[in-house]
Amino acid sequence: MLALADTCADGIGRKLLSQDIDALNPRLEPKSPIADDRIAKAANQLKRPPQAIRERYERLAKQFDRKLE
């Protein structure tokens, strides 16, 4: 079965949807909301501004029917 993260066109999206923010398995639980601490962790690990990561998660949430807290 194809994971949602595997359908992302770029590596950042795949990283954001993976549990360890590394584009590898395991993936995030599909119905678990994406929390602010997850956004902060991803921003730190990917060396990007938290607002940019939040905006990216918002787009992914619309694309894959996910929720942000």
Protein backbone atom coordinates (compact mmCIF):
# COMPACT_ATOMS: atom_id res chain seq x y z
CA MET A 1 0.00 0.00 0.00
CA LEU A 2 1.32 3.43 -0.95
CA ALA A 3 1.80 5.77 2.01
CA LEU A 4 0.51 9.33 1.74
CA ALA A 5 4.03 10.64 2.23
CA ASP A 6 5.17 8.70 -0.83
CA THR A 7 2.77 10.70 -3.00
CA CYS A 8 4.41 14.03 -2.07
CA ALA A 9 6.21 15.64 -4.97
CA ASP A 10 9.16 16.74 -2.87
CA GLY A 11 11.40 15.60 -0.05
CA ILE A 12 10.22 18.21 2.45
CA GLY A 13 6.64 16.97 2.29
CA ARG A 14 7.78 13.38 2.71
CA LYS A 15 9.91 14.41 5.69
CA LEU A 16 7.06 16.31 7.33
CA LEU A 17 4.77 13.28 7.08
CA SER A 18 7.32 10.86 8.49
CA GLN A 19 7.48 10.23 12.22
CA ASP A 20 11.18 11.07 12.54
CA ILE A 21 11.11 13.91 9.98
CA ASP A 22 13.47 11.95 7.73
CA ALA A 23 11.19 10.82 4.86
CA LEU A 24 11.48 7.20 6.04
CA ASN A 25 9.13 4.81 7.80
CA PRO A 26 7.37 4.94 10.13
CA ARG A 27 4.91 7.55 8.92
CA LEU A 28 2.70 9.77 11.04
CA GLU A 29 -0.64 8.31 12.02
CA PRO A 30 -3.12 9.45 9.34
CA LYS A 31 -5.81 10.69 11.73
CA SER A 32 -3.57 12.16 14.44
CA PRO A 33 -3.60 15.96 14.48
CA ILE A 34 -0.34 17.79 13.85
CA ALA A 35 0.56 19.64 17.05
CA ASP A 36 2.52 22.84 17.56
CA ASP A 37 5.38 20.93 19.17
CA ARG A 38 5.65 18.80 16.02
CA ILE A 39 5.86 21.98 13.93
CA ALA A 40 8.59 23.38 16.20
CA LYS A 41 10.55 20.12 16.06
CA ALA A 42 10.31 19.98 12.27
CA ALA A 43 11.38 23.63 11.94
CA ASN A 44 14.39 23.01 14.14
CA GLN A 45 15.40 19.79 12.41
CA LEU A 46 14.90 21.15 8.89
CA LYS A 47 16.41 24.55 9.78
CA ARG A 48 13.41 26.48 8.50
CA PRO A 49 11.21 29.11 10.14
CA PRO A 50 8.31 27.66 12.16
CA GLN A 51 5.81 29.73 10.17
CA ALA A 52 7.08 28.22 6.90
CA ILE A 53 6.67 24.72 8.35
CA ARG A 54 3.16 25.54 9.63
CA GLU A 55 2.18 26.82 6.18
CA ARG A 56 3.55 23.65 4.60
CA TYR A 57 1.61 21.48 7.07
CA GLU A 58 -1.53 23.50 6.31
CA ARG A 59 -1.16 22.70 2.61
CA LEU A 60 -0.47 19.03 3.37
CA ALA A 61 -3.49 18.97 5.70
CA LYS A 62 -5.76 20.12 2.88
CA GLN A 63 -4.19 17.71 0.41
CA PHE A 64 -4.39 14.66 2.68
CA ASP A 65 -7.36 15.54 4.91
CA ARG A 66 -5.19 16.04 8.00
CA LYS A 67 -5.82 18.32 10.99
CA LEU A 68 -3.57 20.81 12.75
CA GLU A 69 -4.04 21.56 16.44
